[in-house]
C-alpha atoms as a PDB file:
ATOM      1  CA  MET A   1      -0.578   4.436  23.658  1.00  0.00           C
ATOM      2  CA  GLN A   2       1.823   7.514  23.183  1.00  0.00           C
ATOM      3  CA  GLU A   3       3.850   5.444  20.709  1.00  0.00           C
ATOM      4  CA  GLU A   4       0.881   4.486  18.695  1.00  0.00           C
ATOM      5  CA  LYS A   5      -0.165   8.191  18.438  1.00  0.00           C
ATOM      6  CA  LYS A   6       3.278   9.141  17.127  1.00  0.00           C
ATOM      7  CA  HIS A   7       3.135   6.193  14.512  1.00  0.00           C
ATOM      8  CA  LEU A   8      -0.277   7.376  13.326  1.00  0.00           C
ATOM      9  CA  PHE A   9       0.948  10.863  12.935  1.00  0.00           C
ATOM     10  CA  ARG A  10       4.084   9.685  11.114  1.00  0.00           C
ATOM     11  CA  SER A  11       1.818   7.565   8.760  1.00  0.00           C
ATOM     12  CA  MET A  12      -0.407  10.598   8.122  1.00  0.00           C
ATOM     13  CA  LEU A  13       2.380  13.173   7.494  1.00  0.00           C
ATOM     14  CA  PRO A  14       3.398  12.280   3.947  1.00  0.00           C
ATOM     15  CA  GLY A  15      -0.248  12.495   2.732  1.00  0.00           C
ATOM     16  CA  LEU A  16      -0.670  15.805   4.566  1.00  0.00           C
ATOM     17  CA  VAL A  17       2.544  17.087   3.108  1.00  0.00           C
ATOM     18  CA  LEU A  18       1.519  16.161  -0.502  1.00  0.00           C
ATOM     19  CA  ALA A  19      -1.948  17.626  -0.045  1.00  0.00           C
ATOM     20  CA  GLY A  20      -0.437  20.805   1.490  1.00  0.00           C
ATOM     21  CA  VAL A  21       1.597  21.249  -1.734  1.00  0.00           C
ATOM     22  CA  MET A  22      -1.508  20.977  -3.834  1.00  0.00           C
ATOM     23  CA  TRP A  23      -3.390  23.474  -1.664  1.00  0.00           C
ATOM     24  CA  LEU A  24      -0.440  25.826  -1.777  1.00  0.00           C
ATOM     25  CA  ILE A  25      -0.258  25.755  -5.708  1.00  0.00           C
ATOM     26  CA  LYS A  26      -4.094  26.291  -5.815  1.00  0.00           C
ATOM     27  CA  LEU A  27      -3.762  29.358  -3.584  1.00  0.00           C
ATOM     28  CA  LEU A  28      -0.848  30.806  -5.801  1.00  0.00           C
ATOM     29  CA  GLU A  29      -2.912  30.154  -8.787  1.00  0.00           C
ATOM     30  CA  THR A  30      -5.924  31.995  -7.217  1.00  0.00           C
ATOM     31  CA  LEU A  31      -3.655  34.941  -6.180  1.00  0.00           C
ATOM     32  CA  SER A  32      -2.228  35.096  -9.736  1.00  0.00           C
ATOM     33  CA  GLY A  33      -5.699  35.569 -11.225  1.00  0.00           C
ATOM     34  CA  ASN A  34      -5.045  33.235 -13.938  1.00  0.00           C
ATOM     35  CA  SER A  35      -5.800  29.629 -14.678  1.00  0.00           C
ATOM     36  CA  TRP A  36      -2.872  27.221 -14.609  1.00  0.00           C
ATOM     37  CA  SER A  37      -4.753  24.482 -16.345  1.00  0.00           C
ATOM     38  CA  LYS A  38      -2.568  25.025 -19.592  1.00  0.00           C
ATOM     39  CA  TYR A  39       0.338  23.469 -17.413  1.00  0.00           C
ATOM     40  CA  GLY A  40      -1.553  20.172 -17.165  1.00  0.00           C
ATOM     41  CA  LEU A  41      -1.376  17.058 -19.277  1.00  0.00           C
ATOM     42  CA  TYR A  42      -2.313  17.307 -22.992  1.00  0.00           C
ATOM     43  CA  PRO A  43      -2.407  13.931 -24.529  1.00  0.00           C
ATOM     44  CA  LYS A  44      -0.312  12.824 -27.704  1.00  0.00           C
ATOM     45  CA  GLU A  45       1.614  16.118 -27.913  1.00  0.00           C
ATOM     46  CA  ILE A  46       5.091  16.794 -26.823  1.00  0.00           C
ATOM     47  CA  PHE A  47       4.233  20.192 -25.250  1.00  0.00           C
ATOM     48  CA  GLY A  48       1.661  18.203 -23.103  1.00  0.00           C
ATOM     49  CA  ILE A  49       3.977  15.642 -21.688  1.00  0.00           C
ATOM     50  CA  LYS A  50       5.222  17.827 -18.919  1.00  0.00           C
ATOM     51  CA  GLY A  51       1.732  17.306 -17.466  1.00  0.00           C
ATOM     52  CA  ILE A  52       2.646  13.732 -16.476  1.00  0.00           C
ATOM     53  CA  LEU A  53       4.297  15.407 -13.443  1.00  0.00           C
ATOM     54  CA  THR A  54       2.189  18.608 -13.073  1.00  0.00           C
ATOM     55  CA  MET A  55      -1.271  16.984 -13.468  1.00  0.00           C
ATOM     56  CA  PRO A  56      -1.763  15.744  -9.789  1.00  0.00           C
ATOM     57  CA  PHE A  57      -0.986  19.264  -8.438  1.00  0.00           C
ATOM     58  CA  LEU A  58      -3.342  21.280 -10.530  1.00  0.00           C
ATOM     59  CA  HIS A  59      -7.052  21.378  -9.968  1.00  0.00           C
ATOM     60  CA  ALA A  60     -10.043  23.131 -11.519  1.00  0.00           C
ATOM     61  CA  ASP A  61     -11.448  24.550  -8.317  1.00  0.00           C
ATOM     62  CA  TYR A  62     -11.584  24.051  -4.716  1.00  0.00           C
ATOM     63  CA  ALA A  63     -14.288  21.591  -4.807  1.00  0.00           C
ATOM     64  CA  HIS A  64     -12.195  19.635  -7.058  1.00  0.00           C
ATOM     65  CA  LEU A  65      -9.306  19.925  -4.724  1.00  0.00           C
ATOM     66  CA  ILE A  66     -11.277  18.937  -1.603  1.00  0.00           C
ATOM     67  CA  ALA A  67     -12.601  15.872  -3.412  1.00  0.00           C
ATOM     68  CA  ASN A  68      -9.143  14.583  -3.838  1.00  0.00           C
ATOM     69  CA  THR A  69      -7.512  15.657  -0.595  1.00  0.00           C
ATOM     70  CA  ILE A  70      -9.474  13.681   1.777  1.00  0.00           C
ATOM     71  CA  PRO A  71      -9.028  10.219  -0.086  1.00  0.00           C
ATOM     72  CA  LEU A  72      -5.450  10.989  -0.728  1.00  0.00           C
ATOM     73  CA  VAL A  73      -4.663  11.588   2.953  1.00  0.00           C
ATOM     74  CA  VAL A  74      -6.533   8.654   4.127  1.00  0.00           C
ATOM     75  CA  LEU A  75      -5.231   6.082   1.627  1.00  0.00           C
ATOM     76  CA  LEU A  76      -1.550   7.154   2.027  1.00  0.00           C
ATOM     77  CA  THR A  77      -1.943   6.700   5.696  1.00  0.00           C
ATOM     78  CA  PHE A  78      -3.309   3.395   5.219  1.00  0.00           C
ATOM     79  CA  ILE A  79      -0.286   2.480   2.901  1.00  0.00           C
ATOM     80  CA  HIS A  80       2.311   3.887   5.367  1.00  0.00           C
ATOM     81  CA  ILE A  81       0.737   1.850   8.391  1.00  0.00           C
ATOM     82  CA  ASN A  82       0.605  -1.464   6.541  1.00  0.00           C
ATOM     83  CA  TYR A  83       2.975  -1.185   3.548  1.00  0.00           C
ATOM     84  CA  GLN A  84       5.893   0.694   4.865  1.00  0.00           C
ATOM     85  CA  GLU A  85       8.400  -0.045   2.103  1.00  0.00           C
ATOM     86  CA  SER A  86       6.106   0.237  -0.655  1.00  0.00           C
ATOM     87  CA  ALA A  87       4.864   3.616   0.548  1.00  0.00           C
ATOM     88  CA  LYS A  88       8.329   5.126  -0.119  1.00  0.00           C
ATOM     89  CA  LYS A  89       8.239   4.597  -3.837  1.00  0.00           C
ATOM     90  CA  LEU A  90       4.538   3.837  -4.622  1.00  0.00           C
ATOM     91  CA  PRO A  91       3.240   7.423  -5.113  1.00  0.00           C
ATOM     92  CA  GLY A  92       5.972   8.334  -7.614  1.00  0.00           C
ATOM     93  CA  TRP A  93       5.508   5.409  -9.651  1.00  0.00           C
ATOM     94  CA  LEU A  94       1.726   5.825  -9.727  1.00  0.00           C
ATOM     95  CA  ILE A  95       2.104   9.441 -10.904  1.00  0.00           C
ATOM     96  CA  PHE A  96       4.330   8.543 -13.619  1.00  0.00           C
ATOM     97  CA  ALA A  97       2.592   5.383 -14.886  1.00  0.00           C
ATOM     98  CA  SER A  98      -0.934   6.908 -14.644  1.00  0.00           C
ATOM     99  CA  GLY A  99       0.268  10.110 -16.308  1.00  0.00           C
ATOM    100  CA  LEU A 100       2.196   8.421 -19.157  1.00  0.00           C
ATOM    101  CA  TRP A 101      -0.783   6.123 -19.985  1.00  0.00           C
ATOM    102  CA  THR A 102      -3.212   9.032 -19.989  1.00  0.00           C
ATOM    103  CA  TRP A 103      -1.011  10.917 -22.317  1.00  0.00           C
ATOM    104  CA  SER A 104      -0.733   7.972 -24.526  1.00  0.00           C
ATOM    105  CA  PHE A 105      -4.558   7.598 -25.445  1.00  0.00           C
ATOM    106  CA  ALA A 106      -6.869  10.246 -23.705  1.00  0.00           C
ATOM    107  CA  ARG A 107      -9.033  12.747 -25.325  1.00  0.00           C
ATOM    108  CA  PRO A 108      -7.367  15.926 -26.680  1.00  0.00           C
ATOM    109  CA  SER A 109      -7.929  18.358 -23.826  1.00  0.00           C
ATOM    110  CA  PHE A 110      -6.072  19.413 -20.844  1.00  0.00           C
ATOM    111  CA  HIS A 111      -6.169  16.869 -17.789  1.00  0.00           C
ATOM    112  CA  ILE A 112      -5.604  17.956 -14.480  1.00  0.00           C
ATOM    113  CA  GLY A 113      -6.212  16.711 -10.784  1.00  0.00           C
ATOM    114  CA  ALA A 114      -4.934  14.037  -8.588  1.00  0.00           C
ATOM    115  CA  SER A 115      -7.630  11.565  -9.333  1.00  0.00           C
ATOM    116  CA  GLY A 116      -5.270   9.278 -11.113  1.00  0.00           C
ATOM    117  CA  LEU A 117      -3.119   9.003  -8.058  1.00  0.00           C
ATOM    118  CA  VAL A 118      -6.048   8.554  -5.888  1.00  0.00           C
ATOM    119  CA  TYR A 119      -7.466   5.776  -8.142  1.00  0.00           C
ATOM    120  CA  GLY A 120      -4.063   4.170  -8.261  1.00  0.00           C
ATOM    121  CA  LEU A 121      -3.851   4.198  -4.289  1.00  0.00           C
ATOM    122  CA  ILE A 122      -7.418   2.660  -3.997  1.00  0.00           C
ATOM    123  CA  SER A 123      -6.566  -0.133  -6.560  1.00  0.00           C
ATOM    124  CA  PHE A 124      -3.330  -0.785  -4.771  1.00  0.00           C
ATOM    125  CA  VAL A 125      -4.880  -1.137  -1.375  1.00  0.00           C
ATOM    126  CA  LEU A 126      -7.674  -3.183  -2.769  1.00  0.00           C
ATOM    127  CA  PHE A 127      -5.674  -5.840  -4.623  1.00  0.00           C
ATOM    128  CA  SER A 128      -2.846  -5.937  -2.246  1.00  0.00           C
ATOM    129  CA  GLY A 129      -5.128  -7.402   0.473  1.00  0.00           C
ATOM    130  CA  PHE A 130      -6.265 -10.291  -1.906  1.00  0.00           C
ATOM    131  CA  ILE A 131      -2.698 -10.897  -3.148  1.00  0.00           C
ATOM    132  CA  ARG A 132      -1.024 -11.012   0.213  1.00  0.00           C
ATOM    133  CA  ARG A 133      -4.100 -12.389   2.106  1.00  0.00           C
ATOM    134  CA  ASP A 134      -2.724 -11.647   5.614  1.00  0.00           C
ATOM    135  CA  ARG A 135      -5.304 -10.172   8.046  1.00  0.00           C
ATOM    136  CA  PRO A 136      -4.271  -6.437   8.160  1.00  0.00           C
ATOM    137  CA  SER A 137      -3.976  -6.207   4.217  1.00  0.00           C
ATOM    138  CA  LEU A 138      -7.518  -7.999   3.809  1.00  0.00           C
ATOM    139  CA  ALA A 139      -9.058  -5.708   6.376  1.00  0.00           C
ATOM    140  CA  LEU A 140      -7.906  -2.651   4.532  1.00  0.00           C
ATOM    141  CA  SER A 141      -9.070  -4.158   1.317  1.00  0.00           C
ATOM    142  CA  PHE A 142     -12.588  -4.447   2.689  1.00  0.00           C
ATOM    143  CA  LEU A 143     -12.621  -1.062   4.256  1.00  0.00           C
ATOM    144  CA  VAL A 144     -11.534   0.421   0.874  1.00  0.00           C
ATOM    145  CA  ILE A 145     -14.428  -1.538  -0.745  1.00  0.00           C
ATOM    146  CA  PHE A 146     -16.770   0.047   1.855  1.00  0.00           C
ATOM    147  CA  LEU A 147     -15.365   3.571   1.347  1.00  0.00           C
ATOM    148  CA  TYR A 148     -14.705   3.766  -2.155  1.00  0.00           C
ATOM    149  CA  GLY A 149     -16.692   0.832  -3.704  1.00  0.00           C
ATOM    150  CA  GLY A 150     -18.176   2.896  -6.536  1.00  0.00           C
ATOM    151  CA  PHE A 151     -14.729   3.890  -7.852  1.00  0.00           C
ATOM    152  CA  ILE A 152     -15.068   1.410 -10.640  1.00  0.00           C
ATOM    153  CA  TRP A 153     -17.753   3.568 -12.374  1.00  0.00           C
ATOM    154  CA  GLY A 154     -15.290   6.362 -12.462  1.00  0.00           C
ATOM    155  CA  MET A 155     -13.115   4.258 -14.861  1.00  0.00           C
ATOM    156  CA  LEU A 156     -15.731   3.865 -17.390  1.00  0.00           C
ATOM    157  CA  PRO A 157     -16.174   6.285 -20.393  1.00  0.00           C
ATOM    158  CA  GLN A 158     -18.503   9.140 -19.699  1.00  0.00           C
ATOM    159  CA  GLY A 159     -19.209  12.630 -20.714  1.00  0.00           C
ATOM    160  CA  GLY A 160     -18.611  15.813 -19.369  1.00  0.00           C
ATOM    161  CA  ASN A 161     -15.185  17.270 -17.960  1.00  0.00           C
ATOM    162  CA  VAL A 162     -14.313  14.040 -15.950  1.00  0.00           C
ATOM    163  CA  SER A 163     -11.064  12.553 -17.209  1.00  0.00           C
ATOM    164  CA  TRP A 164     -12.157   8.919 -16.845  1.00  0.00           C
ATOM    165  CA  GLU A 165      -8.861   8.024 -18.802  1.00  0.00           C
ATOM    166  CA  GLY A 166      -6.894   9.253 -15.797  1.00  0.00           C
ATOM    167  CA  HIS A 167      -8.953   7.196 -13.403  1.00  0.00           C
ATOM    168  CA  LEU A 168      -8.619   4.015 -15.595  1.00  0.00           C
ATOM    169  CA  SER A 169      -4.948   4.716 -15.811  1.00  0.00           C
ATOM    170  CA  GLY A 170      -4.452   5.211 -12.049  1.00  0.00           C
ATOM    171  CA  GLY A 171      -6.534   2.045 -11.495  1.00  0.00           C
ATOM    172  CA  ILE A 172      -4.522  -0.266 -13.706  1.00  0.00           C
ATOM    173  CA  ALA A 173      -1.282   1.004 -12.443  1.00  0.00           C
ATOM    174  CA  GLY A 174      -2.465   0.378  -8.908  1.00  0.00           C
ATOM    175  CA  PHE A 175      -3.221  -3.258  -9.882  1.00  0.00           C
ATOM    176  CA  ILE A 176       0.081  -3.862 -11.478  1.00  0.00           C
ATOM    177  CA  PHE A 177       1.968  -2.367  -8.496  1.00  0.00           C
ATOM    178  CA  ALA A 178       0.045  -4.434  -5.996  1.00  0.00           C
ATOM    179  CA  PHE A 179       1.670  -7.421  -7.657  1.00  0.00           C
ATOM    180  CA  ALA A 180       5.051  -5.738  -8.159  1.00  0.00           C
ATOM    181  CA  PHE A 181       5.218  -4.837  -4.497  1.00  0.00           C
ATOM    182  CA  SER A 182       3.543  -7.993  -3.163  1.00  0.00           C
ATOM    183  CA  LYS A 183       6.471  -9.424  -1.634  1.00  0.00           C
ATOM    184  CA  PRO A 184       6.678  -8.218   2.169  1.00  0.00           C
ATOM    185  CA  SER A 185       9.779  -6.156   3.006  1.00  0.00           C
ATOM    186  CA  GLU A 186      12.277  -7.298   5.568  1.00  0.00           C
ATOM    187  CA  ASP A 187      10.978  -4.650   7.989  1.00  0.00           C
ATOM    188  CA  GLU A 188       7.241  -6.012   7.611  1.00  0.00           C
ATOM    189  CA  THR A 189       8.504  -9.500   7.926  1.00  0.00           C
ATOM    190  CA  GLU A 190      10.324  -8.637  11.189  1.00  0.00           C
ATOM    191  CA  ILE A 191       7.027  -6.971  12.411  1.00  0.00           C
ATOM    192  CA  GLU A 192       5.243 -10.147  11.733  1.00  0.00           C
ATOM    193  CA  ASP A 193       7.890 -12.378  13.444  1.00  0.00           C
ATOM    194  CA  ASP A 194       7.668 -10.277  16.614  1.00  0.00           C
ATOM    195  CA  LEU A 195       4.015 -10.511  16.687  1.00  0.00           C
ATOM    196  CA  VAL A 196       4.299 -14.353  16.522  1.00  0.00           C
ATOM    197  CA  ALA A 197       6.995 -14.243  19.051  1.00  0.00           C
ATOM    198  CA  GLU A 198       4.867 -12.232  21.431  1.00  0.00           C
ATOM    199  CA  GLU A 199       1.625 -14.306  20.820  1.00  0.00           C
ATOM    200  CA  LEU A 200       3.484 -17.708  21.122  1.00  0.00           C
ATOM    201  CA  PRO A 201       6.111 -17.544  24.004  1.00  0.00           C
ATOM    202  CA  LEU A 202       8.141 -20.672  24.040  1.00  0.00           C
ATOM    203  CA  PRO A 203       8.339 -22.976  27.013  1.00  0.00           C
ATOM    204  CA  ASN A 204      11.415 -22.767  29.195  1.00  0.00           C
ATOM    205  CA  ASN A 205      12.776 -25.971  27.928  1.00  0.00           C
ATOM    206  CA  VAL A 206      12.897 -25.043  24.305  1.00  0.00           C
ATOM    207  CA  ASN A 207      16.148 -24.464  22.465  1.00  0.00           C
ATOM    208  CA  THR A 208      16.069 -22.225  19.359  1.00  0.00           C
ATOM    209  CA  SER A 209      19.996 -22.010  18.852  1.00  0.00           C
ATOM    210  CA  SER A 210      19.831 -23.800  15.543  1.00  0.00           C
ATOM    211  CA  SER A 211      17.866 -23.620  12.340  1.00  0.00           C
ATOM    212  CA  TYR A 212      15.195 -25.749  13.761  1.00  0.00           C
ATOM    213  CA  ILE A 213      13.802 -25.836  17.213  1.00  0.00           C
ATOM    214  CA  TYR A 214      13.797 -28.863  19.658  1.00  0.00           C
ATOM    215  CA  PHE A 215      12.680 -29.707  23.094  1.00  0.00           C
ATOM    216  CA  SER A 216      15.549 -30.574  25.439  1.00  0.00           C
ATOM    217  CA  PRO A 217      14.841 -33.502  27.857  1.00  0.00           C
ATOM    218  CA  PRO A 218      13.217 -32.022  31.028  1.00  0.00           C
ATOM    219  CA  THR A 219      14.773 -32.650  34.503  1.00  0.00           C
ATOM    220  CA  SER A 220      13.098 -34.701  37.072  1.00  0.00           C
ATOM    221  CA  SER A 221      12.065 -31.517  38.756  1.00  0.00           C
ATOM    222  CA  GLN A 222      10.083 -30.604  35.651  1.00  0.00           C
ATOM    223  CA  ASN A 223       8.795 -33.960  34.630  1.00  0.00           C
ATOM    224  CA  PRO A 224       9.730 -37.482  36.047  1.00  0.00           C
ATOM    225  CA  GLU A 225       9.163 -38.900  32.519  1.00  0.00           C
ATOM    226  CA  VAL A 226      11.984 -38.593  30.178  1.00  0.00           C
ATOM    227  CA  PRO A 227      10.602 -38.196  26.274  1.00  0.00           C
ATOM    228  CA  PRO A 228      11.867 -40.335  23.575  1.00  0.00           C
ATOM    229  CA  GLN A 229      15.487 -39.428  22.579  1.00  0.00           C
ATOM    230  CA  ASN A 230      15.948 -39.447  18.871  1.00  0.00           C
ATOM    231  CA  PHE A 231      13.498 -36.833  17.674  1.00  0.00           C
ATOM    232  CA  HIS A 232      13.506 -33.207  16.427  1.00  0.00           C
ATOM    233  CA  LEU A 233      10.301 -31.051  16.269  1.00  0.00           C
ATOM    234  CA  ASN A 234      10.385 -28.768  13.380  1.00  0.00           C
ATOM    235  CA  TYR A 235       7.899 -25.982  12.633  1.00  0.00           C
ATOM    236  CA  LEU A 236       6.421 -27.936   9.803  1.00  0.00           C
ATOM    237  CA  TYR A 237       6.777 -31.651  10.532  1.00  0.00           C
ATOM    238  CA  TYR A 238       7.873 -34.315  13.099  1.00  0.00           C
ATOM    239  CA  GLU A 239      11.253 -36.020  12.166  1.00  0.00           C
ATOM    240  CA  GLU A 240      12.409 -39.236  13.314  1.00  0.00           C
ATOM    241  CA  THR A 241      16.068 -39.479  12.742  1.00  0.00           C
ATOM    242  CA  GLU A 242      16.326 -43.283  12.768  1.00  0.00           C
ATOM    243  CA  LEU A 243      13.496 -43.834  10.263  1.00  0.00           C
ATOM    244  CA  SER A 244      13.930 -40.482   8.190  1.00  0.00           C
ATOM    245  CA  GLN A 245      10.063 -40.116   8.026  1.00  0.00           C
ATOM    246  CA  LYS A 246       8.350 -36.697   7.564  1.00  0.00           C
ATOM    247  CA  THR A 247       4.705 -36.257   8.296  1.00  0.00           C
ATOM    248  CA  ASP A 248       2.914 -33.019   7.370  1.00  0.00           C
END
């Protein structure tokens, strides 16, 4: 139980640190008495390209910041729990890709806020479950649908001050990186193998020293009946060495 709490804290920490940086910047902006929105992303202009990196850290007001903080921490925690290797590089790629695409086509105005990153994280978790199709990933996909199922409407053109372009760019980026990072890492594979090993303990008379597993003939104390000699039992098929036949 103690180890699980430590793992949960370590998974939450990156999101908390990133959100903390955003809050610190907003506090400094408030203390300065000036709006820093002019340092955000301005599409199709060279001076506005710096906003690709600054946009996620600038917010219009504290309500805007709070609205992005909670899903940011929750989603990054999900990703660090279930997609450990992807979590190391995903936020940076999402910020860059969603920012670049927003800069390339959005309306001429300063675009600020971490919503593009948040939409990218939602999209990544959602589609990763249906691509990988393992139980933890699918569970997170359905949980994201339950929590943020209405995110699709934020990617549609709308009036007001909402940057639907940033939302759309983030959603597309998350979808693309769900495919790009769909192959489980070695660490994730090892964890999965460990779980299988724990759930399916091998009998005492099983030899696993080679690339396949086979049952050694039991002694008379284990079983008086000696099994047929010429066979190997593989994970996928039964092989008769004399007839060289395979059966799924």
